[in-house]
Amino acid sequence: MERTDIMDGQQAVGAGETQGARRATGVSPARGGAGERGRAADPEVPAKARRRQFSPEYKQRILREAAAVSAPGEIGALLRREGLYSSHLITWRGQRERGELAGLSAQRRGRKAKAVNPLAKRVAELERDKRRLERRLEQAELLLDIQKKASRLLEIPLRSQDDDGSA
């Protein structure tokens, strides 16, 4: 009797199987399993893992499905089906309870953009005009000083503002 059991095991090995290669379900790798599903697992591992981002609609749909669960173990099945962790549900529920609608959408990371004051553009424009006019005023005052000095050197009397040319 023992001899026939050994022979059966050797015939199985000869048919393309290795001894002890049966799975817990009783399906051997040569007869079924992952190869029959029509797709093979991708052996390549990405160089850098990408962070998953969930849309707000997806988060809300999952929260609704989790709330509708009545039997024990269904939440675990939902999480396994969707590839989520229980911490996702906890975080999303907290955000929903606090009313953080922004918490249910993808947030940009990093420094926040500064709010632009609508009057800042006008203020900058007025400051530029003021600097330009101050430079022109300085030039005009320098020209007046030069004219005064030239009139003193040449002894030419300058007209004052009191003299308006009438008389």
N, C-alpha and C. Protein backbone atom coordinates (compact mmCIF):
# COMPACT_ATOMS: atom_id res chain seq x y z
N MET A 1 0.81 -1.18 0.00
CA MET A 1 0.00 0.00 0.00
C MET A 1 0.86 1.25 0.00
N GLU A 2 1.92 1.25 0.77
CA GLU A 2 2.80 2.39 0.82
C GLU A 2 3.46 2.61 -0.52
N ARG A 3 3.73 1.55 -1.19
CA ARG A 3 4.42 1.63 -2.47
C ARG A 3 3.56 2.36 -3.49
N THR A 4 2.28 2.14 -3.49
CA THR A 4 1.41 2.82 -4.46
C THR A 4 1.29 4.30 -4.15
N ASP A 5 1.31 4.69 -2.86
CA ASP A 5 1.24 6.11 -2.52
C ASP A 5 2.48 6.84 -3.01
N ILE A 6 3.64 6.19 -2.90
CA ILE A 6 4.88 6.79 -3.38
C ILE A 6 4.84 6.91 -4.89
N MET A 7 4.32 5.94 -5.56
CA MET A 7 4.23 5.96 -7.02
C MET A 7 3.30 7.08 -7.48
N ASP A 8 2.17 7.27 -6.79
CA ASP A 8 1.25 8.35 -7.13
C ASP A 8 1.94 9.70 -7.00
N GLY A 9 2.74 9.88 -5.94
CA GLY A 9 3.47 11.12 -5.73
C GLY A 9 4.50 11.35 -6.80
N GLN A 10 5.19 10.28 -7.27
CA GLN A 10 6.19 10.42 -8.32
C GLN A 10 5.53 10.73 -9.65
N GLN A 11 4.35 10.14 -9.91
CA GLN A 11 3.65 10.45 -11.15
C GLN A 11 3.21 11.91 -11.16
N ALA A 12 2.80 12.43 -10.02
CA ALA A 12 2.41 13.84 -9.94
C ALA A 12 3.60 14.74 -10.22
N VAL A 13 4.79 14.34 -9.69
CA VAL A 13 5.99 15.12 -9.95
C VAL A 13 6.33 15.06 -11.43
N GLY A 14 6.14 13.93 -12.03
CA GLY A 14 6.44 13.78 -13.44
C GLY A 14 5.47 14.57 -14.31
N ALA A 15 4.29 14.86 -13.83
CA ALA A 15 3.29 15.58 -14.62
C ALA A 15 3.49 17.09 -14.57
N GLY A 16 4.58 17.58 -14.03
CA GLY A 16 4.87 19.00 -14.04
C GLY A 16 4.68 19.66 -12.68
N GLU A 17 4.37 18.92 -11.65
CA GLU A 17 4.19 19.49 -10.34
C GLU A 17 5.39 19.15 -9.47
N THR A 18 5.57 19.94 -8.46
CA THR A 18 6.58 19.61 -7.47
C THR A 18 5.87 19.13 -6.22
N GLN A 19 6.52 18.25 -5.51
CA GLN A 19 5.90 17.76 -4.29
C GLN A 19 5.79 18.88 -3.28
N GLY A 20 4.65 18.97 -2.63
CA GLY A 20 4.44 19.99 -1.61
C GLY A 20 4.10 21.34 -2.19
N ALA A 21 3.83 21.44 -3.49
CA ALA A 21 3.53 22.72 -4.11
C ALA A 21 2.05 23.02 -4.11
N ARG A 22 1.25 22.22 -3.44
CA ARG A 22 -0.19 22.47 -3.41
C ARG A 22 -0.47 23.65 -2.49
N ARG A 23 -1.46 24.40 -2.87
CA ARG A 23 -1.86 25.53 -2.07
C ARG A 23 -2.84 25.08 -1.00
N ALA A 24 -3.14 25.97 -0.10
CA ALA A 24 -4.06 25.65 0.98
C ALA A 24 -5.45 25.35 0.44
N THR A 25 -5.79 25.88 -0.71
CA THR A 25 -7.11 25.65 -1.30
C THR A 25 -7.17 24.31 -2.01
N GLY A 26 -6.04 23.64 -2.17
CA GLY A 26 -6.01 22.36 -2.85
C GLY A 26 -5.76 22.49 -4.33
N VAL A 27 -5.54 23.70 -4.83
CA VAL A 27 -5.28 23.91 -6.25
C VAL A 27 -3.78 23.95 -6.44
N SER A 28 -3.29 23.14 -7.35
CA SER A 28 -1.85 23.13 -7.60
C SER A 28 -1.52 24.19 -8.64
N PRO A 29 -0.28 24.67 -8.66
CA PRO A 29 0.10 25.73 -9.58
C PRO A 29 -0.02 25.31 -11.04
N ALA A 30 0.16 24.05 -11.36
CA ALA A 30 0.11 23.63 -12.75
C ALA A 30 -1.32 23.56 -13.26
N ARG A 31 -2.30 23.34 -12.40
CA ARG A 31 -3.68 23.17 -12.84
C ARG A 31 -4.54 24.42 -12.73
N GLY A 32 -4.19 25.36 -11.96
CA GLY A 32 -5.06 26.54 -11.82
C GLY A 32 -4.39 27.57 -10.95
N GLY A 33 -5.17 28.53 -10.55
CA GLY A 33 -4.64 29.57 -9.68
C GLY A 33 -4.50 30.87 -10.42
N ALA A 34 -3.47 31.63 -10.12
CA ALA A 34 -3.31 32.97 -10.66
C ALA A 34 -3.05 32.96 -12.15
N GLY A 35 -2.44 31.92 -12.69
CA GLY A 35 -2.13 31.88 -14.13
C GLY A 35 -3.37 31.79 -14.99
N GLU A 36 -4.46 31.26 -14.47
CA GLU A 36 -5.67 31.11 -15.27
C GLU A 36 -6.52 32.36 -15.28
N ARG A 37 -6.22 33.33 -14.52
CA ARG A 37 -7.03 34.54 -14.48
C ARG A 37 -6.82 35.40 -15.72
N GLY A 38 -5.83 35.13 -16.48
CA GLY A 38 -5.60 35.88 -17.71
C GLY A 38 -4.62 37.02 -17.56
N ARG A 39 -4.17 37.30 -16.37
CA ARG A 39 -3.20 38.36 -16.19
C ARG A 39 -2.15 37.92 -15.19
N ALA A 40 -0.94 38.30 -15.45
CA ALA A 40 0.15 37.97 -14.53
C ALA A 40 0.50 39.22 -13.75
N ALA A 41 0.99 39.04 -12.55
CA ALA A 41 1.39 40.18 -11.73
C ALA A 41 2.62 40.83 -12.36
N ASP A 42 2.65 42.15 -12.29
CA ASP A 42 3.77 42.88 -12.84
C ASP A 42 4.96 42.75 -11.89
N PRO A 43 6.06 42.15 -12.35
CA PRO A 43 7.19 41.94 -11.45
C PRO A 43 7.98 43.22 -11.19
N GLU A 44 7.76 44.26 -11.99
CA GLU A 44 8.50 45.50 -11.83
C GLU A 44 7.97 46.29 -10.64
N VAL A 45 8.87 46.77 -9.82
CA VAL A 45 8.51 47.62 -8.70
C VAL A 45 8.87 49.04 -9.10
N PRO A 46 7.93 49.99 -8.96
CA PRO A 46 8.26 51.36 -9.35
C PRO A 46 9.42 51.90 -8.52
N ALA A 47 10.21 52.79 -9.14
CA ALA A 47 11.38 53.34 -8.48
C ALA A 47 10.98 54.14 -7.24
N LYS A 48 9.88 54.89 -7.35
CA LYS A 48 9.43 55.68 -6.21
C LYS A 48 7.93 55.49 -6.07
N ALA A 49 7.50 55.15 -4.89
CA ALA A 49 6.08 54.94 -4.65
C ALA A 49 5.36 56.27 -4.71
N ARG A 50 4.15 56.25 -5.29
CA ARG A 50 3.36 57.47 -5.38
C ARG A 50 2.31 57.47 -4.29
N ARG A 51 2.09 58.61 -3.73
CA ARG A 51 1.08 58.77 -2.70
C ARG A 51 -0.30 58.73 -3.34
N ARG A 52 -1.19 57.93 -2.77
CA ARG A 52 -2.53 57.83 -3.33
C ARG A 52 -3.33 59.08 -2.98
N GLN A 53 -4.11 59.54 -3.93
CA GLN A 53 -4.98 60.68 -3.70
C GLN A 53 -6.40 60.25 -4.02
N PHE A 54 -7.30 60.55 -3.12
CA PHE A 54 -8.69 60.16 -3.28
C PHE A 54 -9.53 61.40 -3.54
N SER A 55 -10.42 61.30 -4.51
CA SER A 55 -11.29 62.43 -4.82
C SER A 55 -12.34 62.58 -3.72
N PRO A 56 -12.88 63.78 -3.57
CA PRO A 56 -13.92 63.98 -2.54
C PRO A 56 -15.14 63.10 -2.78
N GLU A 57 -15.51 62.90 -4.04
CA GLU A 57 -16.66 62.06 -4.34
C GLU A 57 -16.41 60.62 -3.90
N TYR A 58 -15.20 60.14 -4.13
CA TYR A 58 -14.85 58.77 -3.74
C TYR A 58 -14.92 58.63 -2.22
N LYS A 59 -14.35 59.61 -1.50
CA LYS A 59 -14.35 59.56 -0.04
C LYS A 59 -15.79 59.53 0.49
N GLN A 60 -16.63 60.38 -0.06
CA GLN A 60 -18.01 60.44 0.41
C GLN A 60 -18.76 59.16 0.07
N ARG A 61 -18.49 58.57 -1.10
CA ARG A 61 -19.15 57.33 -1.47
C ARG A 61 -18.76 56.20 -0.51
N ILE A 62 -17.49 56.11 -0.17
CA ILE A 62 -17.02 55.08 0.74
C ILE A 62 -17.64 55.28 2.13
N LEU A 63 -17.72 56.54 2.58
CA LEU A 63 -18.32 56.81 3.88
C LEU A 63 -19.81 56.42 3.89
N ARG A 64 -20.51 56.68 2.78
CA ARG A 64 -21.92 56.28 2.69
C ARG A 64 -22.05 54.76 2.73
N GLU A 65 -21.19 54.06 1.98
CA GLU A 65 -21.24 52.59 1.97
C GLU A 65 -20.93 52.02 3.35
N ALA A 66 -19.96 52.62 4.05
CA ALA A 66 -19.60 52.13 5.38
C ALA A 66 -20.75 52.38 6.37
N ALA A 67 -21.46 53.48 6.20
CA ALA A 67 -22.58 53.78 7.10
C ALA A 67 -23.75 52.84 6.84
N ALA A 68 -23.89 52.36 5.61
CA ALA A 68 -25.01 51.49 5.26
C ALA A 68 -24.79 50.04 5.68
N VAL A 69 -23.59 49.70 6.14
CA VAL A 69 -23.27 48.33 6.52
C VAL A 69 -24.03 47.95 7.78
N SER A 70 -24.61 46.73 7.77
CA SER A 70 -25.36 46.29 8.95
C SER A 70 -24.77 45.04 9.59
N ALA A 71 -24.22 44.16 8.80
CA ALA A 71 -23.69 42.90 9.33
C ALA A 71 -22.24 43.06 9.76
N PRO A 72 -21.82 42.32 10.79
CA PRO A 72 -20.42 42.39 11.21
C PRO A 72 -19.51 41.83 10.12
N GLY A 73 -18.39 42.49 9.94
CA GLY A 73 -17.41 42.02 8.96
C GLY A 73 -17.57 42.64 7.59
N GLU A 74 -18.68 43.33 7.35
CA GLU A 74 -18.88 43.94 6.03
C GLU A 74 -17.97 45.15 5.82
N ILE A 75 -17.68 45.88 6.89
CA ILE A 75 -16.76 47.02 6.74
C ILE A 75 -15.38 46.51 6.35
N GLY A 76 -14.95 45.42 6.96
CA GLY A 76 -13.66 44.83 6.60
C GLY A 76 -13.64 44.40 5.15
N ALA A 77 -14.75 43.81 4.69
CA ALA A 77 -14.83 43.39 3.29
C ALA A 77 -14.78 44.61 2.37
N LEU A 78 -15.47 45.68 2.76
CA LEU A 78 -15.45 46.92 1.96
C LEU A 78 -14.02 47.47 1.88
N LEU A 79 -13.34 47.50 3.01
CA LEU A 79 -11.97 48.03 3.02
C LEU A 79 -11.03 47.16 2.19
N ARG A 80 -11.17 45.85 2.28
CA ARG A 80 -10.32 44.96 1.47
C ARG A 80 -10.61 45.14 -0.01
N ARG A 81 -11.90 45.24 -0.35
CA ARG A 81 -12.28 45.40 -1.75
C ARG A 81 -11.70 46.68 -2.35
N GLU A 82 -11.72 47.75 -1.55
CA GLU A 82 -11.25 49.05 -2.04
C GLU A 82 -9.76 49.27 -1.80
N GLY A 83 -9.11 48.40 -1.05
CA GLY A 83 -7.68 48.55 -0.77
C GLY A 83 -7.41 49.69 0.20
N LEU A 84 -8.30 49.89 1.18
CA LEU A 84 -8.17 50.98 2.14
C LEU A 84 -7.84 50.44 3.51
N TYR A 85 -7.51 51.35 4.40
CA TYR A 85 -7.25 51.02 5.80
C TYR A 85 -8.34 51.65 6.65
N SER A 86 -8.52 51.11 7.84
CA SER A 86 -9.54 51.65 8.74
C SER A 86 -9.21 53.09 9.14
N SER A 87 -7.93 53.44 9.13
CA SER A 87 -7.55 54.82 9.47
C SER A 87 -8.09 55.81 8.45
N HIS A 88 -8.25 55.37 7.18
CA HIS A 88 -8.85 56.26 6.19
C HIS A 88 -10.26 56.64 6.62
N LEU A 89 -11.03 55.63 7.01
CA LEU A 89 -12.41 55.90 7.43
C LEU A 89 -12.45 56.83 8.63
N ILE A 90 -11.58 56.59 9.61
CA ILE A 90 -11.55 57.41 10.82
C ILE A 90 -11.23 58.86 10.47
N THR A 91 -10.23 59.05 9.63
CA THR A 91 -9.83 60.40 9.24
C THR A 91 -10.94 61.09 8.47
N TRP A 92 -11.52 60.41 7.50
CA TRP A 92 -12.56 61.01 6.67
C TRP A 92 -13.82 61.31 7.48
N ARG A 93 -14.16 60.46 8.43
CA ARG A 93 -15.33 60.72 9.28
C ARG A 93 -15.09 61.96 10.14
N GLY A 94 -13.91 62.08 10.70
CA GLY A 94 -13.58 63.25 11.52
C GLY A 94 -13.66 64.53 10.71
N GLN A 95 -13.15 64.49 9.50
CA GLN A 95 -13.20 65.67 8.65
C GLN A 95 -14.65 66.03 8.31
N ARG A 96 -15.46 65.02 8.06
CA ARG A 96 -16.86 65.28 7.73
C ARG A 96 -17.59 65.87 8.94
N GLU A 97 -17.34 65.35 10.14
CA GLU A 97 -18.00 65.84 11.35
C GLU A 97 -17.60 67.26 11.68
N ARG A 98 -16.35 67.61 11.44
CA ARG A 98 -15.89 68.97 11.71
C ARG A 98 -16.33 69.95 10.63
N GLY A 99 -16.93 69.43 9.58
CA GLY A 99 -17.40 70.31 8.51
C GLY A 99 -16.28 70.82 7.63
N GLU A 100 -15.20 70.13 7.63
CA GLU A 100 -14.08 70.55 6.78
C GLU A 100 -14.31 70.03 5.37
N LEU A 101 -14.99 70.83 4.60
CA LEU A 101 -15.22 70.39 3.22
C LEU A 101 -13.92 70.34 2.45
N ALA A 102 -12.99 71.22 2.82
CA ALA A 102 -11.69 71.19 2.16
C ALA A 102 -10.94 69.92 2.53
N GLY A 103 -11.27 69.32 3.68
CA GLY A 103 -10.62 68.09 4.10
C GLY A 103 -11.03 66.91 3.24
N LEU A 104 -12.16 67.05 2.55
CA LEU A 104 -12.61 65.97 1.69
C LEU A 104 -12.15 66.17 0.25
N SER A 105 -11.26 67.10 0.01
CA SER A 105 -10.71 67.28 -1.32
C SER A 105 -9.19 67.22 -1.23
N ALA A 106 -8.57 67.05 -2.36
CA ALA A 106 -7.11 66.99 -2.38
C ALA A 106 -6.55 68.37 -2.04
N GLN A 107 -5.61 68.41 -1.14
CA GLN A 107 -5.02 69.67 -0.75
C GLN A 107 -3.62 69.77 -1.31
N ARG A 108 -3.28 70.97 -1.72
CA ARG A 108 -1.92 71.19 -2.20
C ARG A 108 -1.00 71.33 -1.00
N ARG A 109 0.15 70.72 -1.11
CA ARG A 109 1.11 70.79 -0.02
C ARG A 109 2.05 71.95 -0.25
N GLY A 110 2.65 72.43 0.84
CA GLY A 110 3.64 73.49 0.71
C GLY A 110 3.12 74.83 1.19
N ARG A 111 3.85 75.88 0.83
CA ARG A 111 3.53 77.23 1.28
C ARG A 111 2.23 77.70 0.65
N LYS A 112 1.41 78.35 1.45
CA LYS A 112 0.14 78.86 0.98
C LYS A 112 0.35 80.16 0.22
N ALA A 113 -0.45 80.38 -0.80
CA ALA A 113 -0.36 81.60 -1.59
C ALA A 113 -0.89 82.77 -0.77
N LYS A 114 -0.22 83.91 -0.89
CA LYS A 114 -0.66 85.10 -0.17
C LYS A 114 -1.87 85.69 -0.88
N ALA A 115 -2.79 86.21 -0.10
CA ALA A 115 -3.96 86.86 -0.66
C ALA A 115 -3.53 88.20 -1.26
N VAL A 116 -3.98 88.48 -2.46
CA VAL A 116 -3.59 89.70 -3.15
C VAL A 116 -4.58 90.80 -2.80
N ASN A 117 -4.05 91.91 -2.32
CA ASN A 117 -4.88 93.07 -2.00
C ASN A 117 -5.25 93.76 -3.31
N PRO A 118 -6.52 94.01 -3.57
CA PRO A 118 -6.90 94.64 -4.84
C PRO A 118 -6.35 96.05 -5.00
N LEU A 119 -6.06 96.74 -3.90
CA LEU A 119 -5.54 98.10 -3.98
C LEU A 119 -4.02 98.15 -4.09
N ALA A 120 -3.36 97.02 -3.91
CA ALA A 120 -1.89 97.00 -3.92
C ALA A 120 -1.34 97.43 -5.27
N LYS A 121 -2.00 97.03 -6.35
CA LYS A 121 -1.54 97.42 -7.69
C LYS A 121 -1.63 98.93 -7.87
N ARG A 122 -2.73 99.50 -7.43
CA ARG A 122 -2.94 100.95 -7.56
C ARG A 122 -1.93 101.71 -6.70
N VAL A 123 -1.66 101.22 -5.49
CA VAL A 123 -0.70 101.87 -4.60
C VAL A 123 0.69 101.86 -5.23
N ALA A 124 1.08 100.72 -5.81
CA ALA A 124 2.40 100.62 -6.45
C ALA A 124 2.50 101.58 -7.63
N GLU A 125 1.42 101.70 -8.39
CA GLU A 125 1.42 102.63 -9.53
C GLU A 125 1.56 104.07 -9.06
N LEU A 126 0.85 104.44 -8.00
CA LEU A 126 0.94 105.80 -7.48
C LEU A 126 2.31 106.10 -6.90
N GLU A 127 2.93 105.11 -6.26
CA GLU A 127 4.28 105.31 -5.72
C GLU A 127 5.29 105.52 -6.84
N ARG A 128 5.14 104.80 -7.95
CA ARG A 128 6.04 105.00 -9.10
C ARG A 128 5.88 106.41 -9.66
N ASP A 129 4.63 106.88 -9.78
CA ASP A 129 4.39 108.23 -10.30
C ASP A 129 4.99 109.28 -9.36
N LYS A 130 4.86 109.06 -8.06
CA LYS A 130 5.39 110.01 -7.08
C LYS A 130 6.90 110.11 -7.21
N ARG A 131 7.59 108.95 -7.33
CA ARG A 131 9.06 108.98 -7.48
C ARG A 131 9.47 109.69 -8.77
N ARG A 132 8.72 109.45 -9.84
CA ARG A 132 9.03 110.10 -11.12
C ARG A 132 8.86 111.61 -11.02
N LEU A 133 7.79 112.05 -10.38
CA LEU A 133 7.54 113.49 -10.24
C LEU A 133 8.55 114.14 -9.31
N GLU A 134 8.98 113.42 -8.26
CA GLU A 134 9.99 113.99 -7.37
C GLU A 134 11.31 114.20 -8.11
N ARG A 135 11.68 113.26 -8.99
CA ARG A 135 12.92 113.43 -9.78
C ARG A 135 12.80 114.64 -10.71
N ARG A 136 11.65 114.79 -11.32
CA ARG A 136 11.46 115.95 -12.22
C ARG A 136 11.52 117.26 -11.44
N LEU A 137 10.96 117.27 -10.23
CA LEU A 137 10.99 118.47 -9.39
C LEU A 137 12.43 118.82 -9.03
N GLU A 138 13.23 117.82 -8.66
CA GLU A 138 14.64 118.07 -8.34
C GLU A 138 15.37 118.66 -9.53
N GLN A 139 15.11 118.12 -10.72
CA GLN A 139 15.76 118.66 -11.93
C GLN A 139 15.33 120.09 -12.18
N ALA A 140 14.06 120.37 -11.99
CA ALA A 140 13.56 121.73 -12.22
C ALA A 140 14.20 122.70 -11.21
N GLU A 141 14.31 122.27 -9.95
CA GLU A 141 14.93 123.13 -8.94
C GLU A 141 16.40 123.37 -9.26
N LEU A 142 17.11 122.35 -9.75
CA LEU A 142 18.51 122.53 -10.14
C LEU A 142 18.63 123.52 -11.31
N LEU A 143 17.73 123.42 -12.28
CA LEU A 143 17.76 124.36 -13.40
C LEU A 143 17.49 125.78 -12.94
N LEU A 144 16.56 125.95 -12.00
CA LEU A 144 16.29 127.29 -11.48
C LEU A 144 17.50 127.84 -10.74
N ASP A 145 18.18 126.99 -9.94
CA ASP A 145 19.38 127.44 -9.25
C ASP A 145 20.46 127.87 -10.24
N ILE A 146 20.60 127.12 -11.32
CA ILE A 146 21.60 127.46 -12.33
C ILE A 146 21.24 128.79 -12.99
N GLN A 147 19.97 129.00 -13.30
CA GLN A 147 19.54 130.25 -13.93
C GLN A 147 19.79 131.44 -12.99
N LYS A 148 19.52 131.25 -11.70
CA LYS A 148 19.76 132.33 -10.74
C LYS A 148 21.24 132.69 -10.68
N LYS A 149 22.09 131.68 -10.62
CA LYS A 149 23.53 131.94 -10.56
C LYS A 149 24.02 132.61 -11.83
N ALA A 150 23.51 132.16 -12.97
CA ALA A 150 23.93 132.76 -14.24
C ALA A 150 23.48 134.22 -14.32
N SER A 151 22.29 134.53 -13.84
CA SER A 151 21.81 135.91 -13.90
C SER A 151 22.61 136.80 -12.96
N ARG A 152 23.04 136.26 -11.81
CA ARG A 152 23.88 137.05 -10.90
C ARG A 152 25.25 137.32 -11.52
N LEU A 153 25.81 136.30 -12.20
CA LEU A 153 27.13 136.48 -12.82
C LEU A 153 27.05 137.48 -13.97
N LEU A 154 26.04 137.43 -14.73
CA LEU A 154 25.91 138.32 -15.89
C LEU A 154 25.20 139.63 -15.52
N GLU A 155 24.80 139.73 -14.27
CA GLU A 155 24.13 140.91 -13.75
C GLU A 155 22.87 141.23 -14.55
N ILE A 156 22.12 140.19 -14.81
CA ILE A 156 20.84 140.36 -15.50
C ILE A 156 19.76 140.24 -14.43
N PRO A 157 18.93 141.26 -14.30
CA PRO A 157 17.89 141.18 -13.27
C PRO A 157 16.80 140.15 -13.68
N LEU A 158 16.43 139.35 -12.75
CA LEU A 158 15.37 138.36 -13.00
C LEU A 158 14.04 138.98 -12.60
N ARG A 159 13.02 138.57 -13.31
CA ARG A 159 11.69 139.05 -13.01
C ARG A 159 11.16 138.30 -11.80
N SER A 160 10.63 138.98 -10.87
CA SER A 160 10.07 138.30 -9.71
C SER A 160 8.60 137.99 -9.98
N GLN A 161 7.99 137.24 -9.11
CA GLN A 161 6.58 136.88 -9.29
C GLN A 161 5.71 138.11 -9.06
N ASP A 162 6.26 139.08 -8.34
CA ASP A 162 5.48 140.31 -8.12
C ASP A 162 5.30 141.07 -9.43
N ASP A 163 6.33 140.97 -10.28
CA ASP A 163 6.25 141.66 -11.57
C ASP A 163 5.52 140.75 -12.54
N ASP A 164 4.32 141.12 -12.88
CA ASP A 164 3.57 140.27 -13.78
C ASP A 164 3.58 140.84 -15.19
N GLY A 165 4.39 141.85 -15.45
CA GLY A 165 4.55 142.38 -16.79
C GLY A 165 3.54 143.48 -17.12
N SER A 166 2.70 143.87 -16.20
CA SER A 166 1.74 144.93 -16.48
C SER A 166 2.27 146.24 -15.93
N ALA A 167 2.25 147.27 -16.65
CA ALA A 167 2.60 148.61 -16.20
C ALA A 167 3.26 149.35 -17.25
